[in-house]
Amino acid sequence: MAASRLPPGALNLKQFLRRQQVLQLYRKILRAIREVPAEADRRYLKDWAREEFRRNKDATDEVRIGNPEP
């Protein structure tokens, strides 16, 4: 079998597509937060969303990523 030209640790297609979906969701959440009228609430929600995404940035379980628990 020929050696891969991709660097070690490169995302496969499925992982790449999932990453794009997650980034799209993050951006959509941040845009929705901009519509919140109260600045304190916007700040709280933005910090919360940022922390949740950071906390889960290394998640690899496709089932859990696709169907997060409430």
PDB file of N, CA and C in Angstrom:
ATOM      1  N   MET A   1       0.847  -1.177   0.000  1.00  0.00           N
ATOM      2  CA  MET A   1       0.000   0.000   0.000  1.00  0.00           C
ATOM      3  C   MET A   1       0.892   1.240   0.000  1.00  0.00           C
ATOM      4  N   ALA A   2       0.539   2.224  -0.755  1.00  0.00           N
ATOM      5  CA  ALA A   2       1.319   3.455  -0.863  1.00  0.00           C
ATOM      6  C   ALA A   2       1.181   4.279   0.413  1.00  0.00           C
ATOM      7  N   ALA A   3       2.226   4.982   0.731  1.00  0.00           N
ATOM      8  CA  ALA A   3       2.210   5.843   1.913  1.00  0.00           C
ATOM      9  C   ALA A   3       1.284   7.032   1.663  1.00  0.00           C
ATOM     10  N   SER A   4       0.611   7.449   2.714  1.00  0.00           N
ATOM     11  CA  SER A   4      -0.294   8.591   2.615  1.00  0.00           C
ATOM     12  C   SER A   4       0.503   9.885   2.506  1.00  0.00           C
ATOM     13  N   ARG A   5      -0.002  10.803   1.722  1.00  0.00           N
ATOM     14  CA  ARG A   5       0.643  12.116   1.601  1.00  0.00           C
ATOM     15  C   ARG A   5       0.164  13.073   2.687  1.00  0.00           C
ATOM     16  N   LEU A   6      -0.822  12.647   3.447  1.00  0.00           N
ATOM     17  CA  LEU A   6      -1.338  13.499   4.521  1.00  0.00           C
ATOM     18  C   LEU A   6      -0.423  13.430   5.733  1.00  0.00           C
ATOM     19  N   PRO A   7      -0.283  14.524   6.434  1.00  0.00           N
ATOM     20  CA  PRO A   7       0.544  14.498   7.644  1.00  0.00           C
ATOM     21  C   PRO A   7      -0.133  13.658   8.726  1.00  0.00           C
ATOM     22  N   PRO A   8       0.658  13.099   9.626  1.00  0.00           N
ATOM     23  CA  PRO A   8       0.062  12.331  10.726  1.00  0.00           C
ATOM     24  C   PRO A   8      -0.882  13.229  11.526  1.00  0.00           C
ATOM     25  N   GLY A   9      -1.990  12.690  11.937  1.00  0.00           N
ATOM     26  CA  GLY A   9      -2.956  13.469  12.703  1.00  0.00           C
ATOM     27  C   GLY A   9      -3.926  14.270  11.859  1.00  0.00           C
ATOM     28  N   ALA A  10      -3.824  14.167  10.537  1.00  0.00           N
ATOM     29  CA  ALA A  10      -4.760  14.890   9.662  1.00  0.00           C
ATOM     30  C   ALA A  10      -6.150  14.273   9.794  1.00  0.00           C
ATOM     31  N   LEU A  11      -7.166  15.093   9.655  1.00  0.00           N
ATOM     32  CA  LEU A  11      -8.540  14.618   9.761  1.00  0.00           C
ATOM     33  C   LEU A  11      -8.931  13.832   8.516  1.00  0.00           C
ATOM     34  N   ASN A  12      -9.696  12.754   8.731  1.00  0.00           N
ATOM     35  CA  ASN A  12     -10.247  12.068   7.568  1.00  0.00           C
ATOM     36  C   ASN A  12     -11.467  12.860   7.089  1.00  0.00           C
ATOM     37  N   LEU A  13     -12.061  12.460   5.991  1.00  0.00           N
ATOM     38  CA  LEU A  13     -13.162  13.226   5.402  1.00  0.00           C
ATOM     39  C   LEU A  13     -14.336  13.375   6.362  1.00  0.00           C
ATOM     40  N   LYS A  14     -14.707  12.289   7.027  1.00  0.00           N
ATOM     41  CA  LYS A  14     -15.843  12.329   7.951  1.00  0.00           C
ATOM     42  C   LYS A  14     -15.573  13.309   9.101  1.00  0.00           C
ATOM     43  N   GLN A  15     -14.363  13.267   9.645  1.00  0.00           N
ATOM     44  CA  GLN A  15     -13.996  14.176  10.731  1.00  0.00           C
ATOM     45  C   GLN A  15     -13.964  15.623  10.245  1.00  0.00           C
ATOM     46  N   PHE A  16     -13.457  15.824   9.050  1.00  0.00           N
ATOM     47  CA  PHE A  16     -13.389  17.169   8.480  1.00  0.00           C
ATOM     48  C   PHE A  16     -14.789  17.752   8.311  1.00  0.00           C
ATOM     49  N   LEU A  17     -15.704  16.943   7.779  1.00  0.00           N
ATOM     50  CA  LEU A  17     -17.076  17.414   7.575  1.00  0.00           C
ATOM     51  C   LEU A  17     -17.766  17.699   8.903  1.00  0.00           C
ATOM     52  N   ARG A  18     -17.545  16.830   9.898  1.00  0.00           N
ATOM     53  CA  ARG A  18     -18.141  17.056  11.224  1.00  0.00           C
ATOM     54  C   ARG A  18     -17.598  18.352  11.824  1.00  0.00           C
ATOM     55  N   ARG A  19     -16.300  18.593  11.659  1.00  0.00           N
ATOM     56  CA  ARG A  19     -15.691  19.820  12.173  1.00  0.00           C
ATOM     57  C   ARG A  19     -16.342  21.044  11.533  1.00  0.00           C
ATOM     58  N   GLN A  20     -16.583  20.981  10.241  1.00  0.00           N
ATOM     59  CA  GLN A  20     -17.231  22.094   9.546  1.00  0.00           C
ATOM     60  C   GLN A  20     -18.641  22.325  10.091  1.00  0.00           C
ATOM     61  N   GLN A  21     -19.368  21.231  10.371  1.00  0.00           N
ATOM     62  CA  GLN A  21     -20.718  21.356  10.926  1.00  0.00           C
ATOM     63  C   GLN A  21     -20.677  22.011  12.309  1.00  0.00           C
ATOM     64  N   VAL A  22     -19.716  21.603  13.123  1.00  0.00           N
ATOM     65  CA  VAL A  22     -19.597  22.152  14.476  1.00  0.00           C
ATOM     66  C   VAL A  22     -19.253  23.638  14.420  1.00  0.00           C
ATOM     67  N   LEU A  23     -18.324  24.008  13.548  1.00  0.00           N
ATOM     68  CA  LEU A  23     -17.972  25.426  13.411  1.00  0.00           C
ATOM     69  C   LEU A  23     -19.161  26.244  12.911  1.00  0.00           C
ATOM     70  N   GLN A  24     -19.925  25.675  11.997  1.00  0.00           N
ATOM     71  CA  GLN A  24     -21.115  26.361  11.488  1.00  0.00           C
ATOM     72  C   GLN A  24     -22.132  26.562  12.617  1.00  0.00           C
ATOM     73  N   LEU A  25     -22.310  25.539  13.449  1.00  0.00           N
ATOM     74  CA  LEU A  25     -23.215  25.651  14.589  1.00  0.00           C
ATOM     75  C   LEU A  25     -22.737  26.731  15.561  1.00  0.00           C
ATOM     76  N   TYR A  26     -21.442  26.751  15.843  1.00  0.00           N
ATOM     77  CA  TYR A  26     -20.872  27.752  16.754  1.00  0.00           C
ATOM     78  C   TYR A  26     -21.142  29.162  16.238  1.00  0.00           C
ATOM     79  N   ARG A  27     -20.905  29.378  14.968  1.00  0.00           N
ATOM     80  CA  ARG A  27     -21.148  30.704  14.379  1.00  0.00           C
ATOM     81  C   ARG A  27     -22.634  31.071  14.435  1.00  0.00           C
ATOM     82  N   LYS A  28     -23.492  30.092  14.187  1.00  0.00           N
ATOM     83  CA  LYS A  28     -24.937  30.339  14.229  1.00  0.00           C
ATOM     84  C   LYS A  28     -25.373  30.718  15.648  1.00  0.00           C
ATOM     85  N   ILE A  29     -24.814  30.042  16.636  1.00  0.00           N
ATOM     86  CA  ILE A  29     -25.129  30.350  18.031  1.00  0.00           C
ATOM     87  C   ILE A  29     -24.680  31.767  18.372  1.00  0.00           C
ATOM     88  N   LEU A  30     -23.459  32.126  17.963  1.00  0.00           N
ATOM     89  CA  LEU A  30     -22.964  33.477  18.256  1.00  0.00           C
ATOM     90  C   LEU A  30     -23.812  34.546  17.568  1.00  0.00           C
ATOM     91  N   ARG A  31     -24.265  34.272  16.349  1.00  0.00           N
ATOM     92  CA  ARG A  31     -25.139  35.241  15.661  1.00  0.00           C
ATOM     93  C   ARG A  31     -26.471  35.381  16.390  1.00  0.00           C
ATOM     94  N   ALA A  32     -27.009  34.276  16.879  1.00  0.00           N
ATOM     95  CA  ALA A  32     -28.279  34.325  17.612  1.00  0.00           C
ATOM     96  C   ALA A  32     -28.115  35.106  18.918  1.00  0.00           C
ATOM     97  N   ILE A  33     -26.982  34.922  19.569  1.00  0.00           N
ATOM     98  CA  ILE A  33     -26.726  35.629  20.827  1.00  0.00           C
ATOM     99  C   ILE A  33     -26.684  37.137  20.601  1.00  0.00           C
ATOM    100  N   ARG A  34     -26.210  37.570  19.451  1.00  0.00           N
ATOM    101  CA  ARG A  34     -26.167  39.012  19.148  1.00  0.00           C
ATOM    102  C   ARG A  34     -27.555  39.645  19.169  1.00  0.00           C
ATOM    103  N   GLU A  35     -28.590  38.850  18.980  1.00  0.00           N
ATOM    104  CA  GLU A  35     -29.964  39.359  18.955  1.00  0.00           C
ATOM    105  C   GLU A  35     -30.555  39.536  20.354  1.00  0.00           C
ATOM    106  N   VAL A  36     -29.885  39.032  21.380  1.00  0.00           N
ATOM    107  CA  VAL A  36     -30.384  39.156  22.752  1.00  0.00           C
ATOM    108  C   VAL A  36     -30.276  40.622  23.165  1.00  0.00           C
ATOM    109  N   PRO A  37     -31.372  41.220  23.642  1.00  0.00           N
ATOM    110  CA  PRO A  37     -31.372  42.657  23.920  1.00  0.00           C
ATOM    111  C   PRO A  37     -30.472  43.099  25.078  1.00  0.00           C
ATOM    112  N   ALA A  38     -30.424  42.345  26.149  1.00  0.00           N
ATOM    113  CA  ALA A  38     -29.672  42.777  27.336  1.00  0.00           C
ATOM    114  C   ALA A  38     -28.192  42.417  27.205  1.00  0.00           C
ATOM    115  N   GLU A  39     -27.343  43.412  27.385  1.00  0.00           N
ATOM    116  CA  GLU A  39     -25.899  43.194  27.232  1.00  0.00           C
ATOM    117  C   GLU A  39     -25.361  42.164  28.217  1.00  0.00           C
ATOM    118  N   ALA A  40     -25.830  42.201  29.455  1.00  0.00           N
ATOM    119  CA  ALA A  40     -25.358  41.242  30.460  1.00  0.00           C
ATOM    120  C   ALA A  40     -25.711  39.816  30.049  1.00  0.00           C
ATOM    121  N   ASP A  41     -26.919  39.636  29.519  1.00  0.00           N
ATOM    122  CA  ASP A  41     -27.331  38.308  29.057  1.00  0.00           C
ATOM    123  C   ASP A  41     -26.497  37.863  27.860  1.00  0.00           C
ATOM    124  N   ARG A  42     -26.246  38.792  26.937  1.00  0.00           N
ATOM    125  CA  ARG A  42     -25.403  38.467  25.771  1.00  0.00           C
ATOM    126  C   ARG A  42     -24.025  38.009  26.225  1.00  0.00           C
ATOM    127  N   ARG A  43     -23.442  38.743  27.149  1.00  0.00           N
ATOM    128  CA  ARG A  43     -22.110  38.405  27.644  1.00  0.00           C
ATOM    129  C   ARG A  43     -22.120  37.028  28.304  1.00  0.00           C
ATOM    130  N   TYR A  44     -23.139  36.769  29.141  1.00  0.00           N
ATOM    131  CA  TYR A  44     -23.248  35.473  29.815  1.00  0.00           C
ATOM    132  C   TYR A  44     -23.375  34.340  28.800  1.00  0.00           C
ATOM    133  N   LEU A  45     -24.272  34.510  27.825  1.00  0.00           N
ATOM    134  CA  LEU A  45     -24.492  33.462  26.832  1.00  0.00           C
ATOM    135  C   LEU A  45     -23.261  33.228  25.956  1.00  0.00           C
ATOM    136  N   LYS A  46     -22.590  34.299  25.592  1.00  0.00           N
ATOM    137  CA  LYS A  46     -21.382  34.163  24.770  1.00  0.00           C
ATOM    138  C   LYS A  46     -20.300  33.415  25.540  1.00  0.00           C
ATOM    139  N   ASP A  47     -20.110  33.781  26.809  1.00  0.00           N
ATOM    140  CA  ASP A  47     -19.124  33.081  27.638  1.00  0.00           C
ATOM    141  C   ASP A  47     -19.497  31.615  27.813  1.00  0.00           C
ATOM    142  N   TRP A  48     -20.787  31.352  28.017  1.00  0.00           N
ATOM    143  CA  TRP A  48     -21.252  29.979  28.191  1.00  0.00           C
ATOM    144  C   TRP A  48     -21.004  29.157  26.926  1.00  0.00           C
ATOM    145  N   ALA A  49     -21.383  29.694  25.776  1.00  0.00           N
ATOM    146  CA  ALA A  49     -21.196  28.969  24.514  1.00  0.00           C
ATOM    147  C   ALA A  49     -19.715  28.711  24.267  1.00  0.00           C
ATOM    148  N   ARG A  50     -18.910  29.726  24.460  1.00  0.00           N
ATOM    149  CA  ARG A  50     -17.464  29.586  24.251  1.00  0.00           C
ATOM    150  C   ARG A  50     -16.897  28.492  25.151  1.00  0.00           C
ATOM    151  N   GLU A  51     -17.280  28.495  26.427  1.00  0.00           N
ATOM    152  CA  GLU A  51     -16.776  27.500  27.372  1.00  0.00           C
ATOM    153  C   GLU A  51     -17.235  26.088  27.000  1.00  0.00           C
ATOM    154  N   GLU A  52     -18.486  25.941  26.602  1.00  0.00           N
ATOM    155  CA  GLU A  52     -18.987  24.619  26.210  1.00  0.00           C
ATOM    156  C   GLU A  52     -18.240  24.071  24.995  1.00  0.00           C
ATOM    157  N   PHE A  53     -18.000  24.910  24.019  1.00  0.00           N
ATOM    158  CA  PHE A  53     -17.277  24.448  22.834  1.00  0.00           C
ATOM    159  C   PHE A  53     -15.823  24.132  23.180  1.00  0.00           C
ATOM    160  N   ARG A  54     -15.206  24.935  24.020  1.00  0.00           N
ATOM    161  CA  ARG A  54     -13.825  24.642  24.442  1.00  0.00           C
ATOM    162  C   ARG A  54     -13.766  23.346  25.232  1.00  0.00           C
ATOM    163  N   ARG A  55     -14.738  23.148  26.111  1.00  0.00           N
ATOM    164  CA  ARG A  55     -14.762  21.947  26.949  1.00  0.00           C
ATOM    165  C   ARG A  55     -14.880  20.681  26.107  1.00  0.00           C
ATOM    166  N   ASN A  56     -15.542  20.792  24.977  1.00  0.00           N
ATOM    167  CA  ASN A  56     -15.777  19.623  24.127  1.00  0.00           C
ATOM    168  C   ASN A  56     -14.916  19.602  22.868  1.00  0.00           C
ATOM    169  N   LYS A  57     -13.902  20.445  22.793  1.00  0.00           N
ATOM    170  CA  LYS A  57     -13.122  20.564  21.560  1.00  0.00           C
ATOM    171  C   LYS A  57     -12.373  19.293  21.191  1.00  0.00           C
ATOM    172  N   ASP A  58     -12.075  18.445  22.146  1.00  0.00           N
ATOM    173  CA  ASP A  58     -11.343  17.217  21.853  1.00  0.00           C
ATOM    174  C   ASP A  58     -12.251  15.996  21.780  1.00  0.00           C
ATOM    175  N   ALA A  59     -13.550  16.201  21.780  1.00  0.00           N
ATOM    176  CA  ALA A  59     -14.495  15.087  21.709  1.00  0.00           C
ATOM    177  C   ALA A  59     -14.334  14.358  20.378  1.00  0.00           C
ATOM    178  N   THR A  60     -14.387  13.029  20.444  1.00  0.00           N
ATOM    179  CA  THR A  60     -14.238  12.228  19.228  1.00  0.00           C
ATOM    180  C   THR A  60     -15.376  11.238  19.034  1.00  0.00           C
ATOM    181  N   ASP A  61     -16.231  11.068  20.027  1.00  0.00           N
ATOM    182  CA  ASP A  61     -17.339  10.123  19.935  1.00  0.00           C
ATOM    183  C   ASP A  61     -18.406  10.681  18.994  1.00  0.00           C
ATOM    184  N   GLU A  62     -18.507  10.114  17.803  1.00  0.00           N
ATOM    185  CA  GLU A  62     -19.433  10.618  16.778  1.00  0.00           C
ATOM    186  C   GLU A  62     -20.885  10.592  17.245  1.00  0.00           C
ATOM    187  N   VAL A  63     -21.270   9.570  17.987  1.00  0.00           N
ATOM    188  CA  VAL A  63     -22.658   9.475  18.451  1.00  0.00           C
ATOM    189  C   VAL A  63     -22.959  10.618  19.404  1.00  0.00           C
ATOM    190  N   ARG A  64     -22.057  10.877  20.328  1.00  0.00           N
ATOM    191  CA  ARG A  64     -22.276  11.946  21.309  1.00  0.00           C
ATOM    192  C   ARG A  64     -22.212  13.325  20.658  1.00  0.00           C
ATOM    193  N   ILE A  65     -21.337  13.501  19.679  1.00  0.00           N
ATOM    194  CA  ILE A  65     -21.235  14.788  18.992  1.00  0.00           C
ATOM    195  C   ILE A  65     -22.502  15.053  18.194  1.00  0.00           C
ATOM    196  N   GLY A  66     -22.999  14.036  17.515  1.00  0.00           N
ATOM    197  CA  GLY A  66     -24.188  14.190  16.679  1.00  0.00           C
ATOM    198  C   GLY A  66     -25.473  14.322  17.466  1.00  0.00           C
ATOM    199  N   ASN A  67     -25.511  13.732  18.667  1.00  0.00           N
ATOM    200  CA  ASN A  67     -26.709  13.758  19.510  1.00  0.00           C
ATOM    201  C   ASN A  67     -26.313  14.098  20.937  1.00  0.00           C
ATOM    202  N   PRO A  68     -25.951  15.348  21.203  1.00  0.00           N
ATOM    203  CA  PRO A  68     -25.504  15.707  22.554  1.00  0.00           C
ATOM    204  C   PRO A  68     -26.623  15.548  23.568  1.00  0.00           C
ATOM    205  N   GLU A  69     -26.219  15.227  24.788  1.00  0.00           N
ATOM    206  CA  GLU A  69     -27.192  15.088  25.875  1.00  0.00           C
ATOM    207  C   GLU A  69     -27.666  16.465  26.306  1.00  0.00           C
ATOM    208  N   PRO A  70     -28.911  16.549  26.774  1.00  0.00           N
ATOM    209  CA  PRO A  70     -29.431  17.850  27.235  1.00  0.00           C
ATOM    210  C   PRO A  70     -28.733  18.345  28.479  1.00  0.00           C
TER     211      PRO A  70
END
